[in-house]
C-alpha cells in the first residue's frame, strides 16, 4: 500500500533528479498492514523515523538528486548498504534551497518539518540512500544529477520487508547519530 507523491508544485529548476523514476511513499509497515509512519518524518513513540521510505522494487536504479561527491558507500547497521552524497558546490546548494516547498502540508498529522539542528540555509547538505542491494559508486566519486549511484535492495533492517523500499534522508551533517538531529523532512524537496 503506497501513496504516489503528486507532482503538484512547480519545478524550481532543471538541475534536480528525483531519487527514483517513480516516486511513491510507502504506507505499509514491515510487519504487514497499513502503517503510514513508514512514509513520514516523525517519532513513533520514542523511536524516530529519520527520513521517508520510497517504494522501489528490488534492484531499481537509484539516482543522484544533484551534482556532488560520494562521502560514504558502505554497510551501516540498520541502514544496510547506504550511500551518502554531499552537496557542497554553491550552484547545487542553491538549487537544493530553491526546491524547499514554502507552503509544506504534511501528509500525516504527526509529521515534523525540521529536526533539531537542521539549518535550511546551510552551505552544504547530505542526501542518504539506505537499504541498497549494490553500489554503482565508491567513496570519493564525483557524480552528476541523474547518475545511477546504486540499486534498491533489502539490506539492514529492511530484510524481509513486506514492501521493498529505499529509506531517504536529508541532512546537514554526514553522520547524525540518533534522533532527528540535523535532519529534515525529505518531502519538502520532492516533486
C-alpha atoms as a PDB file:
ATOM      1  CA  UNK A   1       0.000   0.000   0.000  1.00  0.00           C
ATOM      2  CA  UNK A   2       1.761   3.133  -1.186  1.00  0.00           C
ATOM      3  CA  UNK A   3       0.702   6.683  -1.832  1.00  0.00           C
ATOM      4  CA  UNK A   4       2.016   8.132  -5.066  1.00  0.00           C
ATOM      5  CA  UNK A   5       3.544  11.528  -4.472  1.00  0.00           C
ATOM      6  CA  UNK A   6       1.594  14.033  -6.523  1.00  0.00           C
ATOM      7  CA  UNK A   7       3.638  16.324  -8.736  1.00  0.00           C
ATOM      8  CA  UNK A   8       1.510  19.361  -7.960  1.00  0.00           C
ATOM      9  CA  UNK A   9       4.043  22.103  -7.262  1.00  0.00           C
ATOM     10  CA  UNK A  10       6.190  23.915  -9.814  1.00  0.00           C
ATOM     11  CA  UNK A  11       9.628  22.589 -10.618  1.00  0.00           C
ATOM     12  CA  UNK A  12      12.071  25.270  -9.499  1.00  0.00           C
ATOM     13  CA  UNK A  13      14.989  24.233 -11.681  1.00  0.00           C
ATOM     14  CA  UNK A  14      16.249  21.694 -14.146  1.00  0.00           C
ATOM     15  CA  UNK A  15      19.249  20.552 -12.072  1.00  0.00           C
ATOM     16  CA  UNK A  16      17.357  18.146  -9.786  1.00  0.00           C
ATOM     17  CA  UNK A  17      16.657  14.448 -10.385  1.00  0.00           C
ATOM     18  CA  UNK A  18      14.331  12.523  -8.039  1.00  0.00           C
ATOM     19  CA  UNK A  19      15.984   9.517  -6.344  1.00  0.00           C
ATOM     20  CA  UNK A  20      13.646   7.156  -8.251  1.00  0.00           C
ATOM     21  CA  UNK A  21      11.901   7.346 -11.617  1.00  0.00           C
ATOM     22  CA  UNK A  22       8.533   6.630  -9.979  1.00  0.00           C
ATOM     23  CA  UNK A  23       8.103   8.399  -6.654  1.00  0.00           C
ATOM     24  CA  UNK A  24       5.776   6.665  -4.197  1.00  0.00           C
ATOM     25  CA  UNK A  25       5.931   6.972  -0.423  1.00  0.00           C
ATOM     26  CA  UNK A  26       5.338   3.698   1.412  1.00  0.00           C
ATOM     27  CA  UNK A  27       2.440   3.459   3.799  1.00  0.00           C
ATOM     28  CA  UNK A  28       2.960  -0.231   4.536  1.00  0.00           C
ATOM     29  CA  UNK A  29       4.708  -1.420   7.665  1.00  0.00           C
ATOM     30  CA  UNK A  30       7.259  -4.191   7.685  1.00  0.00           C
ATOM     31  CA  UNK A  31       5.111  -6.463   9.851  1.00  0.00           C
ATOM     32  CA  UNK A  32       2.252  -6.158   7.343  1.00  0.00           C
ATOM     33  CA  UNK A  33      -0.784  -3.924   7.194  1.00  0.00           C
ATOM     34  CA  UNK A  34      -1.237  -0.186   6.863  1.00  0.00           C
ATOM     35  CA  UNK A  35       1.497   1.777   8.616  1.00  0.00           C
ATOM     36  CA  UNK A  36       1.774   5.363   7.420  1.00  0.00           C
ATOM     37  CA  UNK A  37       4.608   6.090   9.855  1.00  0.00           C
ATOM     38  CA  UNK A  38       6.983   4.484   7.333  1.00  0.00           C
ATOM     39  CA  UNK A  39       6.099   7.260   4.924  1.00  0.00           C
ATOM     40  CA  UNK A  40       6.654  10.160   7.262  1.00  0.00           C
ATOM     41  CA  UNK A  41       9.395  12.007   9.120  1.00  0.00           C
ATOM     42  CA  UNK A  42       8.331  11.750  12.772  1.00  0.00           C
ATOM     43  CA  UNK A  43       8.546   9.950  16.099  1.00  0.00           C
ATOM     44  CA  UNK A  44       6.665   6.711  16.651  1.00  0.00           C
ATOM     45  CA  UNK A  45       6.559   6.713  20.432  1.00  0.00           C
ATOM     46  CA  UNK A  46      10.195   7.331  21.384  1.00  0.00           C
ATOM     47  CA  UNK A  47      11.569   5.871  18.152  1.00  0.00           C
ATOM     48  CA  UNK A  48      12.352   8.318  15.335  1.00  0.00           C
ATOM     49  CA  UNK A  49      11.749   7.677  11.656  1.00  0.00           C
ATOM     50  CA  UNK A  50      14.515   9.896  10.312  1.00  0.00           C
ATOM     51  CA  UNK A  51      13.564  10.068   6.650  1.00  0.00           C
ATOM     52  CA  UNK A  52      10.952   8.920   4.163  1.00  0.00           C
ATOM     53  CA  UNK A  53      10.540   5.412   2.756  1.00  0.00           C
ATOM     54  CA  UNK A  54      10.105   5.333  -1.017  1.00  0.00           C
ATOM     55  CA  UNK A  55       8.669   2.226  -2.657  1.00  0.00           C
ATOM     56  CA  UNK A  56      11.106   0.542  -5.035  1.00  0.00           C
ATOM     57  CA  UNK A  57      11.049  -2.956  -6.474  1.00  0.00           C
ATOM     58  CA  UNK A  58      14.277  -4.847  -5.840  1.00  0.00           C
ATOM     59  CA  UNK A  59      17.218  -3.664  -7.954  1.00  0.00           C
ATOM     60  CA  UNK A  60      15.503  -0.475  -9.128  1.00  0.00           C
ATOM     61  CA  UNK A  61      18.056   2.184 -10.209  1.00  0.00           C
ATOM     62  CA  UNK A  62      18.698   4.882  -7.594  1.00  0.00           C
ATOM     63  CA  UNK A  63      19.795   8.319  -8.822  1.00  0.00           C
ATOM     64  CA  UNK A  64      21.918  11.184  -7.559  1.00  0.00           C
ATOM     65  CA  UNK A  65      19.486  14.054  -6.969  1.00  0.00           C
ATOM     66  CA  UNK A  66      22.129  16.748  -7.544  1.00  0.00           C
ATOM     67  CA  UNK A  67      25.789  17.031  -8.504  1.00  0.00           C
ATOM     68  CA  UNK A  68      28.064  16.178  -5.596  1.00  0.00           C
ATOM     69  CA  UNK A  69      30.619  13.832  -4.036  1.00  0.00           C
ATOM     70  CA  UNK A  70      30.052  10.382  -2.577  1.00  0.00           C
ATOM     71  CA  UNK A  71      31.330  10.634   1.007  1.00  0.00           C
ATOM     72  CA  UNK A  72      30.226   7.168   2.073  1.00  0.00           C
ATOM     73  CA  UNK A  73      29.190   3.949   0.330  1.00  0.00           C
ATOM     74  CA  UNK A  74      29.188   1.075   2.811  1.00  0.00           C
ATOM     75  CA  UNK A  75      27.128  -1.040   5.198  1.00  0.00           C
ATOM     76  CA  UNK A  76      25.937   0.808   8.329  1.00  0.00           C
ATOM     77  CA  UNK A  77      23.881  -1.203  10.853  1.00  0.00           C
ATOM     78  CA  UNK A  78      20.110  -0.866  10.423  1.00  0.00           C
ATOM     79  CA  UNK A  79      20.592   1.196   7.261  1.00  0.00           C
ATOM     80  CA  UNK A  80      22.237  -1.731   5.497  1.00  0.00           C
ATOM     81  CA  UNK A  81      24.057  -0.624   2.381  1.00  0.00           C
ATOM     82  CA  UNK A  82      23.871   3.159   2.398  1.00  0.00           C
ATOM     83  CA  UNK A  83      25.213   5.888   0.141  1.00  0.00           C
ATOM     84  CA  UNK A  84      25.745   9.415   1.463  1.00  0.00           C
ATOM     85  CA  UNK A  85      26.024  12.121  -1.199  1.00  0.00           C
ATOM     86  CA  UNK A  86      27.474  15.523  -0.216  1.00  0.00           C
ATOM     87  CA  UNK A  87      26.012  18.582  -1.948  1.00  0.00           C
ATOM     88  CA  UNK A  88      28.531  21.380  -1.457  1.00  0.00           C
ATOM     89  CA  UNK A  89      29.016  23.268  -4.735  1.00  0.00           C
ATOM     90  CA  UNK A  90      27.356  26.702  -4.438  1.00  0.00           C
ATOM     91  CA  UNK A  91      25.190  26.310  -7.553  1.00  0.00           C
ATOM     92  CA  UNK A  92      23.935  22.886  -6.425  1.00  0.00           C
ATOM     93  CA  UNK A  93      23.253  24.067  -2.867  1.00  0.00           C
ATOM     94  CA  UNK A  94      21.213  26.944  -4.321  1.00  0.00           C
ATOM     95  CA  UNK A  95      19.193  24.547  -6.494  1.00  0.00           C
ATOM     96  CA  UNK A  96      18.502  22.497  -3.375  1.00  0.00           C
ATOM     97  CA  UNK A  97      17.472  25.523  -1.301  1.00  0.00           C
ATOM     98  CA  UNK A  98      15.153  26.729  -4.077  1.00  0.00           C
ATOM     99  CA  UNK A  99      13.344  23.374  -4.102  1.00  0.00           C
ATOM    100  CA  UNK A 100      12.167  23.644  -0.497  1.00  0.00           C
ATOM    101  CA  UNK A 101       8.381  23.964  -0.500  1.00  0.00           C
ATOM    102  CA  UNK A 102       7.263  27.236   1.073  1.00  0.00           C
ATOM    103  CA  UNK A 103       3.765  26.017   1.976  1.00  0.00           C
ATOM    104  CA  UNK A 104       4.504  22.446   3.009  1.00  0.00           C
ATOM    105  CA  UNK A 105       1.496  20.497   4.198  1.00  0.00           C
ATOM    106  CA  UNK A 106       2.397  17.153   5.784  1.00  0.00           C
ATOM    107  CA  UNK A 107       0.717  14.008   4.500  1.00  0.00           C
ATOM    108  CA  UNK A 108       0.242  12.768   8.057  1.00  0.00           C
ATOM    109  CA  UNK A 109      -0.791  14.716  11.154  1.00  0.00           C
ATOM    110  CA  UNK A 110       2.281  13.869  13.258  1.00  0.00           C
ATOM    111  CA  UNK A 111       4.974  14.688  10.688  1.00  0.00           C
ATOM    112  CA  UNK A 112       7.817  17.027  11.568  1.00  0.00           C
ATOM    113  CA  UNK A 113       9.289  19.580   9.179  1.00  0.00           C
ATOM    114  CA  UNK A 114      12.797  20.009  10.639  1.00  0.00           C
ATOM    115  CA  UNK A 115      14.675  18.150  13.350  1.00  0.00           C
ATOM    116  CA  UNK A 116      16.865  19.861  15.987  1.00  0.00           C
ATOM    117  CA  UNK A 117      19.947  21.496  14.488  1.00  0.00           C
ATOM    118  CA  UNK A 118      18.794  21.307  10.859  1.00  0.00           C
ATOM    119  CA  UNK A 119      19.783  24.522   9.074  1.00  0.00           C
ATOM    120  CA  UNK A 120      17.801  25.076   5.874  1.00  0.00           C
ATOM    121  CA  UNK A 121      20.271  27.879   4.993  1.00  0.00           C
ATOM    122  CA  UNK A 122      23.377  25.665   5.291  1.00  0.00           C
ATOM    123  CA  UNK A 123      26.189  25.869   2.728  1.00  0.00           C
ATOM    124  CA  UNK A 124      26.156  22.081   2.320  1.00  0.00           C
ATOM    125  CA  UNK A 125      23.709  19.182   2.540  1.00  0.00           C
ATOM    126  CA  UNK A 126      23.941  15.403   2.638  1.00  0.00           C
ATOM    127  CA  UNK A 127      21.498  13.012   0.970  1.00  0.00           C
ATOM    128  CA  UNK A 128      21.404   9.450   2.317  1.00  0.00           C
ATOM    129  CA  UNK A 129      20.001   6.457   0.402  1.00  0.00           C
ATOM    130  CA  UNK A 130      19.630   3.290   2.530  1.00  0.00           C
ATOM    131  CA  UNK A 131      18.823  -0.449   2.157  1.00  0.00           C
ATOM    132  CA  UNK A 132      20.536  -0.692  -1.255  1.00  0.00           C
ATOM    133  CA  UNK A 133      21.453  -4.039  -2.813  1.00  0.00           C
ATOM    134  CA  UNK A 134      24.555  -2.821  -4.649  1.00  0.00           C
ATOM    135  CA  UNK A 135      26.575   0.324  -5.218  1.00  0.00           C
ATOM    136  CA  UNK A 136      27.419   1.859  -8.573  1.00  0.00           C
ATOM    137  CA  UNK A 137      29.859   4.311  -6.928  1.00  0.00           C
ATOM    138  CA  UNK A 138      32.665   4.347  -4.371  1.00  0.00           C
ATOM    139  CA  UNK A 139      33.668   6.888  -1.745  1.00  0.00           C
ATOM    140  CA  UNK A 140      35.230   9.938  -3.381  1.00  0.00           C
ATOM    141  CA  UNK A 141      33.380   9.652  -6.698  1.00  0.00           C
ATOM    142  CA  UNK A 142      32.018  12.873  -8.171  1.00  0.00           C
ATOM    143  CA  UNK A 143      28.507  12.369  -9.587  1.00  0.00           C
ATOM    144  CA  UNK A 144      26.032  14.404 -11.614  1.00  0.00           C
ATOM    145  CA  UNK A 145      22.291  14.719 -11.053  1.00  0.00           C
ATOM    146  CA  UNK A 146      20.645  11.716 -12.719  1.00  0.00           C
ATOM    147  CA  UNK A 147      23.659   9.392 -12.456  1.00  0.00           C
ATOM    148  CA  UNK A 148      22.760   5.889 -11.262  1.00  0.00           C
ATOM    149  CA  UNK A 149      24.541   5.550  -7.928  1.00  0.00           C
ATOM    150  CA  UNK A 150      23.118   2.199  -6.779  1.00  0.00           C
ATOM    151  CA  UNK A 151      20.218  -0.224  -6.822  1.00  0.00           C
ATOM    152  CA  UNK A 152      17.428  -0.784  -4.303  1.00  0.00           C
ATOM    153  CA  UNK A 153      17.610  -3.792  -2.017  1.00  0.00           C
ATOM    154  CA  UNK A 154      16.590  -5.228   1.346  1.00  0.00           C
ATOM    155  CA  UNK A 155      19.731  -4.743   3.414  1.00  0.00           C
ATOM    156  CA  UNK A 156      19.818  -3.673   7.050  1.00  0.00           C
ATOM    157  CA  UNK A 157      16.504  -3.697   8.894  1.00  0.00           C
ATOM    158  CA  UNK A 158      14.609  -3.813   5.572  1.00  0.00           C
ATOM    159  CA  UNK A 159      15.478  -7.518   5.192  1.00  0.00           C
ATOM    160  CA  UNK A 160      12.294  -9.493   4.718  1.00  0.00           C
ATOM    161  CA  UNK A 161      10.086  -6.419   4.482  1.00  0.00           C
ATOM    162  CA  UNK A 162       6.583  -6.751   3.079  1.00  0.00           C
ATOM    163  CA  UNK A 163       7.190  -3.734   0.874  1.00  0.00           C
ATOM    164  CA  UNK A 164      10.683  -3.126  -0.553  1.00  0.00           C
ATOM    165  CA  UNK A 165      11.798   0.481  -0.227  1.00  0.00           C
ATOM    166  CA  UNK A 166      14.627   2.997  -0.201  1.00  0.00           C
ATOM    167  CA  UNK A 167      14.964   4.980   3.022  1.00  0.00           C
ATOM    168  CA  UNK A 168      15.911   8.553   2.005  1.00  0.00           C
ATOM    169  CA  UNK A 169      17.222  11.278   4.322  1.00  0.00           C
ATOM    170  CA  UNK A 170      18.183  14.955   4.007  1.00  0.00           C
ATOM    171  CA  UNK A 171      20.877  16.052   6.497  1.00  0.00           C
ATOM    172  CA  UNK A 172      23.181  18.921   7.389  1.00  0.00           C
ATOM    173  CA  UNK A 173      25.722  16.506   8.910  1.00  0.00           C
ATOM    174  CA  UNK A 174      27.287  13.462   7.269  1.00  0.00           C
ATOM    175  CA  UNK A 175      26.589  11.278  10.294  1.00  0.00           C
ATOM    176  CA  UNK A 176      23.814  12.458  12.599  1.00  0.00           C
ATOM    177  CA  UNK A 177      23.549   9.715  15.181  1.00  0.00           C
ATOM    178  CA  UNK A 178      20.260   9.003  16.921  1.00  0.00           C
ATOM    179  CA  UNK A 179      17.090  11.073  16.982  1.00  0.00           C
ATOM    180  CA  UNK A 180      16.094  13.652  14.400  1.00  0.00           C
ATOM    181  CA  UNK A 181      19.258  15.739  14.836  1.00  0.00           C
ATOM    182  CA  UNK A 182      20.437  17.670  11.760  1.00  0.00           C
ATOM    183  CA  UNK A 183      17.747  16.123   9.555  1.00  0.00           C
ATOM    184  CA  UNK A 184      14.626  17.436   7.856  1.00  0.00           C
ATOM    185  CA  UNK A 185      11.580  16.007   6.142  1.00  0.00           C
ATOM    186  CA  UNK A 186      12.660  14.966   2.624  1.00  0.00           C
ATOM    187  CA  UNK A 187       9.110  15.563   1.362  1.00  0.00           C
ATOM    188  CA  UNK A 188       9.956  19.273   1.416  1.00  0.00           C
ATOM    189  CA  UNK A 189      12.118  18.717  -1.683  1.00  0.00           C
ATOM    190  CA  UNK A 190      10.416  16.011  -3.790  1.00  0.00           C
ATOM    191  CA  UNK A 191       8.378  16.662  -6.913  1.00  0.00           C
END
